[in-house]
């Protein structure tokens, strides 16, 4: 019984940490825009230069745009700052700004 509670508490903590990762402004490069489905793919860029030269690419993420007009200002290859939320296992862009 105690082990099960520990496992569930750990899973809840990991879920909260993972969803809070989407709360901060992130930077990345637009790799694909699908205006028909209102989605965008962004290659997340690493922030800071802890222990390395920096500038490396992170994970490729696909997001649904909160508003279709957000996608009109950017094109594939643009560097952007963005904010996203994680709802029902899929990311939704709440802010998108071309750098």
C-alpha atoms as a PDB file:
ATOM      1  CA  UNK A   1       0.000   0.000   0.000  1.00  0.00           C
ATOM      2  CA  UNK A   2       2.791   2.429   0.899  1.00  0.00           C
ATOM      3  CA  UNK A   3       4.730   1.548  -2.255  1.00  0.00           C
ATOM      4  CA  UNK A   4       1.722   2.250  -4.453  1.00  0.00           C
ATOM      5  CA  UNK A   5       1.256   5.684  -2.884  1.00  0.00           C
ATOM      6  CA  UNK A   6       4.948   6.427  -3.437  1.00  0.00           C
ATOM      7  CA  UNK A   7       4.711   5.423  -7.099  1.00  0.00           C
ATOM      8  CA  UNK A   8       1.565   7.501  -7.678  1.00  0.00           C
ATOM      9  CA  UNK A   9       3.112  10.514  -5.934  1.00  0.00           C
ATOM     10  CA  UNK A  10       6.228  10.197  -8.086  1.00  0.00           C
ATOM     11  CA  UNK A  11       4.168   9.935 -11.265  1.00  0.00           C
ATOM     12  CA  UNK A  12       2.166  13.025 -10.280  1.00  0.00           C
ATOM     13  CA  UNK A  13       5.373  14.967  -9.605  1.00  0.00           C
ATOM     14  CA  UNK A  14       6.857  14.010 -12.988  1.00  0.00           C
ATOM     15  CA  UNK A  15       3.635  15.021 -14.759  1.00  0.00           C
ATOM     16  CA  UNK A  16       3.612  18.428 -13.057  1.00  0.00           C
ATOM     17  CA  UNK A  17       7.267  19.024 -13.927  1.00  0.00           C
ATOM     18  CA  UNK A  18       6.739  18.018 -17.543  1.00  0.00           C
ATOM     19  CA  UNK A  19       3.732  20.307 -17.981  1.00  0.00           C
ATOM     20  CA  UNK A  20       5.517  23.233 -16.325  1.00  0.00           C
ATOM     21  CA  UNK A  21       8.276  22.926 -18.922  1.00  0.00           C
ATOM     22  CA  UNK A  22       5.785  24.327 -21.425  1.00  0.00           C
ATOM     23  CA  UNK A  23       4.969  27.355 -19.241  1.00  0.00           C
ATOM     24  CA  UNK A  24       8.144  29.383 -19.903  1.00  0.00           C
ATOM     25  CA  UNK A  25       9.013  31.233 -23.104  1.00  0.00           C
ATOM     26  CA  UNK A  26      10.991  28.932 -25.365  1.00  0.00           C
ATOM     27  CA  UNK A  27      13.030  29.630 -28.471  1.00  0.00           C
ATOM     28  CA  UNK A  28      13.183  27.582 -31.611  1.00  0.00           C
ATOM     29  CA  UNK A  29      13.121  27.429 -35.386  1.00  0.00           C
ATOM     30  CA  UNK A  30       9.976  26.825 -37.420  1.00  0.00           C
ATOM     31  CA  UNK A  31      10.433  23.686 -39.520  1.00  0.00           C
ATOM     32  CA  UNK A  32       6.921  23.186 -40.897  1.00  0.00           C
ATOM     33  CA  UNK A  33       3.595  25.023 -40.991  1.00  0.00           C
ATOM     34  CA  UNK A  34       0.316  23.311 -41.872  1.00  0.00           C
ATOM     35  CA  UNK A  35      -2.230  26.107 -42.208  1.00  0.00           C
ATOM     36  CA  UNK A  36      -5.026  23.715 -43.213  1.00  0.00           C
ATOM     37  CA  UNK A  37      -4.766  21.807 -39.913  1.00  0.00           C
ATOM     38  CA  UNK A  38      -3.651  24.870 -37.917  1.00  0.00           C
ATOM     39  CA  UNK A  39      -0.424  23.188 -36.745  1.00  0.00           C
ATOM     40  CA  UNK A  40       3.225  24.176 -36.623  1.00  0.00           C
ATOM     41  CA  UNK A  41       6.403  22.176 -36.023  1.00  0.00           C
ATOM     42  CA  UNK A  42       9.182  23.900 -34.083  1.00  0.00           C
ATOM     43  CA  UNK A  43      12.732  22.653 -33.466  1.00  0.00           C
ATOM     44  CA  UNK A  44      13.386  23.806 -29.902  1.00  0.00           C
ATOM     45  CA  UNK A  45      16.750  25.522 -29.361  1.00  0.00           C
ATOM     46  CA  UNK A  46      18.752  25.041 -26.180  1.00  0.00           C
ATOM     47  CA  UNK A  47      18.914  28.023 -23.858  1.00  0.00           C
ATOM     48  CA  UNK A  48      22.160  29.091 -22.215  1.00  0.00           C
ATOM     49  CA  UNK A  49      25.644  27.719 -22.620  1.00  0.00           C
ATOM     50  CA  UNK A  50      26.076  25.476 -19.607  1.00  0.00           C
ATOM     51  CA  UNK A  51      29.094  23.272 -20.242  1.00  0.00           C
ATOM     52  CA  UNK A  52      29.172  23.694 -23.983  1.00  0.00           C
ATOM     53  CA  UNK A  53      29.182  25.950 -26.970  1.00  0.00           C
ATOM     54  CA  UNK A  54      25.389  26.336 -26.976  1.00  0.00           C
ATOM     55  CA  UNK A  55      23.239  26.873 -30.006  1.00  0.00           C
ATOM     56  CA  UNK A  56      22.397  23.188 -30.327  1.00  0.00           C
ATOM     57  CA  UNK A  57      19.005  21.989 -31.374  1.00  0.00           C
ATOM     58  CA  UNK A  58      16.611  20.244 -29.047  1.00  0.00           C
ATOM     59  CA  UNK A  59      13.509  18.184 -29.680  1.00  0.00           C
ATOM     60  CA  UNK A  60      11.150  18.740 -32.595  1.00  0.00           C
ATOM     61  CA  UNK A  61       7.654  19.505 -31.317  1.00  0.00           C
ATOM     62  CA  UNK A  62       4.355  19.889 -33.143  1.00  0.00           C
ATOM     63  CA  UNK A  63       1.805  22.326 -31.736  1.00  0.00           C
ATOM     64  CA  UNK A  64      -1.745  23.320 -32.538  1.00  0.00           C
ATOM     65  CA  UNK A  65      -2.092  27.099 -32.820  1.00  0.00           C
ATOM     66  CA  UNK A  66      -4.579  28.712 -30.432  1.00  0.00           C
ATOM     67  CA  UNK A  67      -5.429  31.205 -33.181  1.00  0.00           C
ATOM     68  CA  UNK A  68      -4.886  30.591 -36.914  1.00  0.00           C
ATOM     69  CA  UNK A  69      -3.702  34.192 -37.373  1.00  0.00           C
ATOM     70  CA  UNK A  70      -0.604  33.360 -35.279  1.00  0.00           C
ATOM     71  CA  UNK A  71       0.748  31.297 -38.170  1.00  0.00           C
ATOM     72  CA  UNK A  72       0.451  34.101 -40.741  1.00  0.00           C
ATOM     73  CA  UNK A  73       3.432  36.043 -39.364  1.00  0.00           C
ATOM     74  CA  UNK A  74       5.995  33.218 -39.585  1.00  0.00           C
ATOM     75  CA  UNK A  75       7.506  30.961 -42.240  1.00  0.00           C
ATOM     76  CA  UNK A  76       9.613  27.798 -42.212  1.00  0.00           C
ATOM     77  CA  UNK A  77      13.178  28.686 -41.199  1.00  0.00           C
ATOM     78  CA  UNK A  78      12.173  31.619 -38.955  1.00  0.00           C
ATOM     79  CA  UNK A  79      13.537  31.765 -35.410  1.00  0.00           C
ATOM     80  CA  UNK A  80      10.744  32.327 -32.924  1.00  0.00           C
ATOM     81  CA  UNK A  81       9.993  32.692 -29.242  1.00  0.00           C
ATOM     82  CA  UNK A  82       6.875  30.910 -28.121  1.00  0.00           C
ATOM     83  CA  UNK A  83       4.813  29.758 -25.191  1.00  0.00           C
ATOM     84  CA  UNK A  84       2.821  26.542 -25.215  1.00  0.00           C
ATOM     85  CA  UNK A  85       0.567  24.634 -22.881  1.00  0.00           C
ATOM     86  CA  UNK A  86       0.078  20.895 -22.680  1.00  0.00           C
ATOM     87  CA  UNK A  87      -3.591  19.936 -22.656  1.00  0.00           C
ATOM     88  CA  UNK A  88      -4.834  16.387 -23.153  1.00  0.00           C
ATOM     89  CA  UNK A  89      -1.382  15.196 -24.234  1.00  0.00           C
ATOM     90  CA  UNK A  90      -1.005  17.674 -27.095  1.00  0.00           C
ATOM     91  CA  UNK A  91       0.756  21.035 -27.146  1.00  0.00           C
ATOM     92  CA  UNK A  92      -1.126  24.230 -27.907  1.00  0.00           C
ATOM     93  CA  UNK A  93       0.663  27.471 -28.790  1.00  0.00           C
ATOM     94  CA  UNK A  94      -0.517  30.416 -26.753  1.00  0.00           C
ATOM     95  CA  UNK A  95       2.103  32.917 -27.951  1.00  0.00           C
ATOM     96  CA  UNK A  96       4.292  33.016 -31.072  1.00  0.00           C
ATOM     97  CA  UNK A  97       6.666  35.819 -31.973  1.00  0.00           C
ATOM     98  CA  UNK A  98       9.221  36.040 -34.764  1.00  0.00           C
ATOM     99  CA  UNK A  99      12.713  37.010 -33.553  1.00  0.00           C
END
